[in-house]
Amino acid sequence: MFGSDNNKHDDEKPETIMQKFFRACLLGLAGVFVLWLAIQLLAQFWGWLLLAAALGGLVWATIWFVHWRRDRRW
């Protein structure tokens, strides 16, 4: 039942070191391209992300300050 799959793999030739090296180079090239693409996309709207983070920090600081003032005992 489970042993019949071995016959399929016997017909295949083992991979050479050059095939493995070529595949690794292609994967590295694809990784560099995807990283370059991500940086290009991020460069288009990083200012807006920074602005959103600053506004979020300002809202958080305001809420924290209001809670701190209300919880303070005279």
PDB file of N, CA and C in Angstrom:
ATOM      1  N   MET A   1       0.824  -1.178   0.000  1.00  0.00           N
ATOM      2  CA  MET A   1       0.000   0.000   0.000  1.00  0.00           C
ATOM      3  C   MET A   1       0.876   1.252   0.000  1.00  0.00           C
ATOM      4  N   PHE A   2       1.740   1.412   0.991  1.00  0.00           N
ATOM      5  CA  PHE A   2       2.577   2.599   1.058  1.00  0.00           C
ATOM      6  C   PHE A   2       3.901   2.406   0.325  1.00  0.00           C
ATOM      7  N   GLY A   3       4.294   1.182   0.070  1.00  0.00           N
ATOM      8  CA  GLY A   3       5.587   0.913  -0.549  1.00  0.00           C
ATOM      9  C   GLY A   3       5.592   1.048  -2.059  1.00  0.00           C
ATOM     10  N   SER A   4       4.466   1.213  -2.709  1.00  0.00           N
ATOM     11  CA  SER A   4       4.412   1.264  -4.171  1.00  0.00           C
ATOM     12  C   SER A   4       4.924   2.588  -4.717  1.00  0.00           C
ATOM     13  N   ASP A   5       5.025   3.626  -3.906  1.00  0.00           N
ATOM     14  CA  ASP A   5       5.503   4.920  -4.380  1.00  0.00           C
ATOM     15  C   ASP A   5       7.004   4.919  -4.635  1.00  0.00           C
ATOM     16  N   ASN A   6       7.728   3.968  -4.112  1.00  0.00           N
ATOM     17  CA  ASN A   6       9.176   3.933  -4.292  1.00  0.00           C
ATOM     18  C   ASN A   6       9.562   3.692  -5.742  1.00  0.00           C
ATOM     19  N   ASN A   7       8.743   2.992  -6.512  1.00  0.00           N
ATOM     20  CA  ASN A   7       9.054   2.714  -7.914  1.00  0.00           C
ATOM     21  C   ASN A   7       9.045   3.986  -8.741  1.00  0.00           C
ATOM     22  N   LYS A   8       8.241   4.952  -8.389  1.00  0.00           N
ATOM     23  CA  LYS A   8       8.182   6.211  -9.134  1.00  0.00           C
ATOM     24  C   LYS A   8       9.477   6.997  -8.972  1.00  0.00           C
ATOM     25  N   HIS A   9      10.077   6.958  -7.800  1.00  0.00           N
ATOM     26  CA  HIS A   9      11.281   7.729  -7.531  1.00  0.00           C
ATOM     27  C   HIS A   9      12.541   7.043  -8.063  1.00  0.00           C
ATOM     28  N   ASP A  10      12.476   5.757  -8.360  1.00  0.00           N
ATOM     29  CA  ASP A  10      13.644   5.052  -8.879  1.00  0.00           C
ATOM     30  C   ASP A  10      13.982   5.493 -10.293  1.00  0.00           C
ATOM     31  N   ASP A  11      12.992   5.942 -11.073  1.00  0.00           N
ATOM     32  CA  ASP A  11      13.229   6.340 -12.452  1.00  0.00           C
ATOM     33  C   ASP A  11      13.861   7.725 -12.558  1.00  0.00           C
ATOM     34  N   GLU A  12      13.714   8.551 -11.527  1.00  0.00           N
ATOM     35  CA  GLU A  12      14.244   9.911 -11.578  1.00  0.00           C
ATOM     36  C   GLU A  12      15.752   9.900 -11.339  1.00  0.00           C
ATOM     37  N   LYS A  13      16.448  10.813 -12.055  1.00  0.00           N
ATOM     38  CA  LYS A  13      17.885  10.952 -11.846  1.00  0.00           C
ATOM     39  C   LYS A  13      18.119  11.843 -10.633  1.00  0.00           C
ATOM     40  N   PRO A  14      19.141  11.579  -9.857  1.00  0.00           N
ATOM     41  CA  PRO A  14      19.424  12.452  -8.713  1.00  0.00           C
ATOM     42  C   PRO A  14      19.900  13.826  -9.189  1.00  0.00           C
ATOM     43  N   GLU A  15      19.619  14.832  -8.395  1.00  0.00           N
ATOM     44  CA  GLU A  15      20.011  16.190  -8.758  1.00  0.00           C
ATOM     45  C   GLU A  15      21.524  16.350  -8.639  1.00  0.00           C
ATOM     46  N   THR A  16      22.089  17.042  -9.598  1.00  0.00           N
ATOM     47  CA  THR A  16      23.521  17.319  -9.534  1.00  0.00           C
ATOM     48  C   THR A  16      23.751  18.544  -8.666  1.00  0.00           C
ATOM     49  N   ILE A  17      25.004  18.763  -8.301  1.00  0.00           N
ATOM     50  CA  ILE A  17      25.338  19.911  -7.464  1.00  0.00           C
ATOM     51  C   ILE A  17      25.099  21.212  -8.220  1.00  0.00           C
ATOM     52  N   MET A  18      25.267  21.200  -9.546  1.00  0.00           N
ATOM     53  CA  MET A  18      25.038  22.409 -10.339  1.00  0.00           C
ATOM     54  C   MET A  18      23.557  22.764 -10.382  1.00  0.00           C
ATOM     55  N   GLN A  19      22.691  21.778 -10.435  1.00  0.00           N
ATOM     56  CA  GLN A  19      21.258  22.051 -10.412  1.00  0.00           C
ATOM     57  C   GLN A  19      20.848  22.651  -9.072  1.00  0.00           C
ATOM     58  N   LYS A  20      21.401  22.117  -7.989  1.00  0.00           N
ATOM     59  CA  LYS A  20      21.105  22.666  -6.670  1.00  0.00           C
ATOM     60  C   LYS A  20      21.637  24.090  -6.547  1.00  0.00           C
ATOM     61  N   PHE A  21      22.850  24.332  -7.062  1.00  0.00           N
ATOM     62  CA  PHE A  21      23.442  25.666  -7.007  1.00  0.00           C
ATOM     63  C   PHE A  21      22.628  26.650  -7.835  1.00  0.00           C
ATOM     64  N   PHE A  22      22.195  26.238  -9.025  1.00  0.00           N
ATOM     65  CA  PHE A  22      21.402  27.103  -9.889  1.00  0.00           C
ATOM     66  C   PHE A  22      20.068  27.446  -9.232  1.00  0.00           C
ATOM     67  N   ARG A  23      19.430  26.463  -8.621  1.00  0.00           N
ATOM     68  CA  ARG A  23      18.164  26.709  -7.935  1.00  0.00           C
ATOM     69  C   ARG A  23      18.366  27.660  -6.754  1.00  0.00           C
ATOM     70  N   ALA A  24      19.455  27.498  -6.012  1.00  0.00           N
ATOM     71  CA  ALA A  24      19.737  28.394  -4.890  1.00  0.00           C
ATOM     72  C   ALA A  24      19.991  29.814  -5.387  1.00  0.00           C
ATOM     73  N   CYS A  25      20.688  29.955  -6.522  1.00  0.00           N
ATOM     74  CA  CYS A  25      20.929  31.288  -7.086  1.00  0.00           C
ATOM     75  C   CYS A  25      19.623  31.937  -7.529  1.00  0.00           C
ATOM     76  N   LEU A  26      18.746  31.170  -8.143  1.00  0.00           N
ATOM     77  CA  LEU A  26      17.454  31.718  -8.552  1.00  0.00           C
ATOM     78  C   LEU A  26      16.621  32.147  -7.347  1.00  0.00           C
ATOM     79  N   LEU A  27      16.645  31.347  -6.295  1.00  0.00           N
ATOM     80  CA  LEU A  27      15.908  31.719  -5.084  1.00  0.00           C
ATOM     81  C   LEU A  27      16.496  32.975  -4.448  1.00  0.00           C
ATOM     82  N   GLY A  28      17.821  33.086  -4.449  1.00  0.00           N
ATOM     83  CA  GLY A  28      18.458  34.295  -3.922  1.00  0.00           C
ATOM     84  C   GLY A  28      18.104  35.515  -4.746  1.00  0.00           C
ATOM     85  N   LEU A  29      18.110  35.373  -6.070  1.00  0.00           N
ATOM     86  CA  LEU A  29      17.747  36.482  -6.952  1.00  0.00           C
ATOM     87  C   LEU A  29      16.291  36.888  -6.745  1.00  0.00           C
ATOM     88  N   ALA A  30      15.417  35.923  -6.597  1.00  0.00           N
ATOM     89  CA  ALA A  30      14.008  36.228  -6.343  1.00  0.00           C
ATOM     90  C   ALA A  30      13.848  36.940  -5.000  1.00  0.00           C
ATOM     91  N   GLY A  31      14.602  36.523  -3.995  1.00  0.00           N
ATOM     92  CA  GLY A  31      14.542  37.181  -2.695  1.00  0.00           C
ATOM     93  C   GLY A  31      15.014  38.622  -2.757  1.00  0.00           C
ATOM     94  N   VAL A  32      16.084  38.873  -3.497  1.00  0.00           N
ATOM     95  CA  VAL A  32      16.589  40.241  -3.654  1.00  0.00           C
ATOM     96  C   VAL A  32      15.568  41.098  -4.381  1.00  0.00           C
ATOM     97  N   PHE A  33      14.943  40.553  -5.413  1.00  0.00           N
ATOM     98  CA  PHE A  33      13.944  41.305  -6.170  1.00  0.00           C
ATOM     99  C   PHE A  33      12.735  41.647  -5.306  1.00  0.00           C
ATOM    100  N   VAL A  34      12.263  40.691  -4.526  1.00  0.00           N
ATOM    101  CA  VAL A  34      11.098  40.934  -3.669  1.00  0.00           C
ATOM    102  C   VAL A  34      11.438  41.969  -2.598  1.00  0.00           C
ATOM    103  N   LEU A  35      12.655  41.908  -2.051  1.00  0.00           N
ATOM    104  CA  LEU A  35      13.068  42.905  -1.067  1.00  0.00           C
ATOM    105  C   LEU A  35      13.153  44.290  -1.695  1.00  0.00           C
ATOM    106  N   TRP A  36      13.701  44.384  -2.901  1.00  0.00           N
ATOM    107  CA  TRP A  36      13.773  45.663  -3.615  1.00  0.00           C
ATOM    108  C   TRP A  36      12.367  46.207  -3.873  1.00  0.00           C
ATOM    109  N   LEU A  37      11.454  45.337  -4.290  1.00  0.00           N
ATOM    110  CA  LEU A  37      10.081  45.757  -4.553  1.00  0.00           C
ATOM    111  C   LEU A  37       9.401  46.256  -3.277  1.00  0.00           C
ATOM    112  N   ALA A  38       9.623  45.570  -2.168  1.00  0.00           N
ATOM    113  CA  ALA A  38       9.027  45.995  -0.900  1.00  0.00           C
ATOM    114  C   ALA A  38       9.566  47.357  -0.475  1.00  0.00           C
ATOM    115  N   ILE A  39      10.852  47.586  -0.669  1.00  0.00           N
ATOM    116  CA  ILE A  39      11.433  48.883  -0.308  1.00  0.00           C
ATOM    117  C   ILE A  39      10.889  49.980  -1.206  1.00  0.00           C
ATOM    118  N   GLN A  40      10.713  49.698  -2.484  1.00  0.00           N
ATOM    119  CA  GLN A  40      10.159  50.694  -3.398  1.00  0.00           C
ATOM    120  C   GLN A  40       8.724  51.052  -3.025  1.00  0.00           C
ATOM    121  N   LEU A  41       7.936  50.054  -2.663  1.00  0.00           N
ATOM    122  CA  LEU A  41       6.556  50.321  -2.256  1.00  0.00           C
ATOM    123  C   LEU A  41       6.502  51.074  -0.936  1.00  0.00           C
ATOM    124  N   LEU A  42       7.378  50.712  -0.005  1.00  0.00           N
ATOM    125  CA  LEU A  42       7.407  51.388   1.284  1.00  0.00           C
ATOM    126  C   LEU A  42       7.863  52.831   1.141  1.00  0.00           C
ATOM    127  N   ALA A  43       8.752  53.104   0.195  1.00  0.00           N
ATOM    128  CA  ALA A  43       9.254  54.464  -0.008  1.00  0.00           C
ATOM    129  C   ALA A  43       8.149  55.399  -0.485  1.00  0.00           C
ATOM    130  N   GLN A  44       7.116  54.856  -1.091  1.00  0.00           N
ATOM    131  CA  GLN A  44       6.043  55.693  -1.608  1.00  0.00           C
ATOM    132  C   GLN A  44       5.136  56.225  -0.503  1.00  0.00           C
ATOM    133  N   PHE A  45       4.974  55.480   0.579  1.00  0.00           N
ATOM    134  CA  PHE A  45       4.029  55.926   1.606  1.00  0.00           C
ATOM    135  C   PHE A  45       4.588  55.842   3.022  1.00  0.00           C
ATOM    136  N   TRP A  46       5.912  55.875   3.197  1.00  0.00           N
ATOM    137  CA  TRP A  46       6.468  55.802   4.545  1.00  0.00           C
ATOM    138  C   TRP A  46       6.147  57.060   5.344  1.00  0.00           C
ATOM    139  N   GLY A  47       6.027  58.204   4.686  1.00  0.00           N
ATOM    140  CA  GLY A  47       5.683  59.439   5.388  1.00  0.00           C
ATOM    141  C   GLY A  47       4.306  59.365   6.015  1.00  0.00           C
ATOM    142  N   TRP A  48       3.368  58.787   5.280  1.00  0.00           N
ATOM    143  CA  TRP A  48       2.011  58.624   5.816  1.00  0.00           C
ATOM    144  C   TRP A  48       2.001  57.652   6.993  1.00  0.00           C
ATOM    145  N   LEU A  49       2.811  56.603   6.915  1.00  0.00           N
ATOM    146  CA  LEU A  49       2.893  55.673   8.041  1.00  0.00           C
ATOM    147  C   LEU A  49       3.479  56.347   9.275  1.00  0.00           C
ATOM    148  N   LEU A  50       4.483  57.187   9.053  1.00  0.00           N
ATOM    149  CA  LEU A  50       5.087  57.929  10.155  1.00  0.00           C
ATOM    150  C   LEU A  50       4.084  58.894  10.776  1.00  0.00           C
ATOM    151  N   LEU A  51       3.313  59.561   9.932  1.00  0.00           N
ATOM    152  CA  LEU A  51       2.286  60.480  10.421  1.00  0.00           C
ATOM    153  C   LEU A  51       1.220  59.736  11.223  1.00  0.00           C
ATOM    154  N   ALA A  52       0.786  58.584  10.734  1.00  0.00           N
ATOM    155  CA  ALA A  52      -0.216  57.788  11.453  1.00  0.00           C
ATOM    156  C   ALA A  52       0.331  57.319  12.799  1.00  0.00           C
ATOM    157  N   ALA A  53       1.602  56.913  12.833  1.00  0.00           N
ATOM    158  CA  ALA A  53       2.205  56.488  14.098  1.00  0.00           C
ATOM    159  C   ALA A  53       2.305  57.656  15.073  1.00  0.00           C
ATOM    160  N   ALA A  54       2.653  58.838  14.572  1.00  0.00           N
ATOM    161  CA  ALA A  54       2.745  60.017  15.441  1.00  0.00           C
ATOM    162  C   ALA A  54       1.375  60.398  15.989  1.00  0.00           C
ATOM    163  N   LEU A  55       0.360  60.358  15.147  1.00  0.00           N
ATOM    164  CA  LEU A  55      -0.994  60.670  15.617  1.00  0.00           C
ATOM    165  C   LEU A  55      -1.486  59.642  16.632  1.00  0.00           C
ATOM    166  N   GLY A  56      -1.187  58.375  16.378  1.00  0.00           N
ATOM    167  CA  GLY A  56      -1.558  57.333  17.340  1.00  0.00           C
ATOM    168  C   GLY A  56      -0.857  57.526  18.673  1.00  0.00           C
ATOM    169  N   GLY A  57       0.418  57.894  18.631  1.00  0.00           N
ATOM    170  CA  GLY A  57       1.145  58.170  19.868  1.00  0.00           C
ATOM    171  C   GLY A  57       0.596  59.373  20.606  1.00  0.00           C
ATOM    172  N   LEU A  58       0.196  60.386  19.861  1.00  0.00           N
ATOM    173  CA  LEU A  58      -0.389  61.577  20.477  1.00  0.00           C
ATOM    174  C   LEU A  58      -1.726  61.256  21.143  1.00  0.00           C
ATOM    175  N   VAL A  59      -2.551  60.469  20.488  1.00  0.00           N
ATOM    176  CA  VAL A  59      -3.837  60.062  21.078  1.00  0.00           C
ATOM    177  C   VAL A  59      -3.595  59.237  22.336  1.00  0.00           C
ATOM    178  N   TRP A  60      -2.657  58.300  22.272  1.00  0.00           N
ATOM    179  CA  TRP A  60      -2.353  57.468  23.436  1.00  0.00           C
ATOM    180  C   TRP A  60      -1.843  58.325  24.590  1.00  0.00           C
ATOM    181  N   ALA A  61      -0.941  59.274  24.305  1.00  0.00           N
ATOM    182  CA  ALA A  61      -0.398  60.138  25.355  1.00  0.00           C
ATOM    183  C   ALA A  61      -1.487  61.016  25.966  1.00  0.00           C
ATOM    184  N   THR A  62      -2.409  61.496  25.148  1.00  0.00           N
ATOM    185  CA  THR A  62      -3.507  62.315  25.660  1.00  0.00           C
ATOM    186  C   THR A  62      -4.409  61.502  26.579  1.00  0.00           C
ATOM    187  N   ILE A  63      -4.751  60.301  26.169  1.00  0.00           N
ATOM    188  CA  ILE A  63      -5.596  59.436  27.001  1.00  0.00           C
ATOM    189  C   ILE A  63      -4.882  59.097  28.304  1.00  0.00           C
ATOM    190  N   TRP A  64      -3.592  58.796  28.224  1.00  0.00           N
ATOM    191  CA  TRP A  64      -2.825  58.484  29.427  1.00  0.00           C
ATOM    192  C   TRP A  64      -2.791  59.681  30.374  1.00  0.00           C
ATOM    193  N   PHE A  65      -2.606  60.882  29.836  1.00  0.00           N
ATOM    194  CA  PHE A  65      -2.543  62.089  30.657  1.00  0.00           C
ATOM    195  C   PHE A  65      -3.885  62.359  31.339  1.00  0.00           C
ATOM    196  N   VAL A  66      -4.983  62.190  30.603  1.00  0.00           N
ATOM    197  CA  VAL A  66      -6.311  62.404  31.191  1.00  0.00           C
ATOM    198  C   VAL A  66      -6.556  61.404  32.314  1.00  0.00           C
ATOM    199  N   HIS A  67      -6.204  60.140  32.106  1.00  0.00           N
ATOM    200  CA  HIS A  67      -6.380  59.137  33.154  1.00  0.00           C
ATOM    201  C   HIS A  67      -5.492  59.454  34.352  1.00  0.00           C
ATOM    202  N   TRP A  68      -4.294  59.897  34.110  1.00  0.00           N
ATOM    203  CA  TRP A  68      -3.372  60.227  35.190  1.00  0.00           C
ATOM    204  C   TRP A  68      -3.902  61.397  36.014  1.00  0.00           C
ATOM    205  N   ARG A  69      -4.468  62.399  35.350  1.00  0.00           N
ATOM    206  CA  ARG A  69      -5.009  63.566  36.060  1.00  0.00           C
ATOM    207  C   ARG A  69      -6.241  63.193  36.884  1.00  0.00           C
ATOM    208  N   ARG A  70      -7.080  62.304  36.357  1.00  0.00           N
ATOM    209  CA  ARG A  70      -8.300  61.917  37.077  1.00  0.00           C
ATOM    210  C   ARG A  70      -7.989  61.023  38.271  1.00  0.00           C
ATOM    211  N   ASP A  71      -6.969  60.186  38.150  1.00  0.00           N
ATOM    212  CA  ASP A  71      -6.642  59.247  39.221  1.00  0.00           C
ATOM    213  C   ASP A  71      -5.815  59.886  40.332  1.00  0.00           C
ATOM    214  N   ARG A  72      -5.307  61.063  40.103  1.00  0.00           N
ATOM    215  CA  ARG A  72      -4.478  61.723  41.104  1.00  0.00           C
ATOM    216  C   ARG A  72      -5.347  62.193  42.265  1.00  0.00           C
ATOM    217  N   ARG A  73      -4.895  61.956  43.465  1.00  0.00           N
ATOM    218  CA  ARG A  73      -5.641  62.367  44.663  1.00  0.00           C
ATOM    219  C   ARG A  73      -5.009  63.641  45.219  1.00  0.00           C
ATOM    220  N   TRP A  74      -5.820  64.601  45.601  1.00  0.00           N
ATOM    221  CA  TRP A  74      -5.304  65.851  46.177  1.00  0.00           C
ATOM    222  C   TRP A  74      -5.154  65.673  47.640  1.00  0.00           C
TER     223      TRP A  74
END
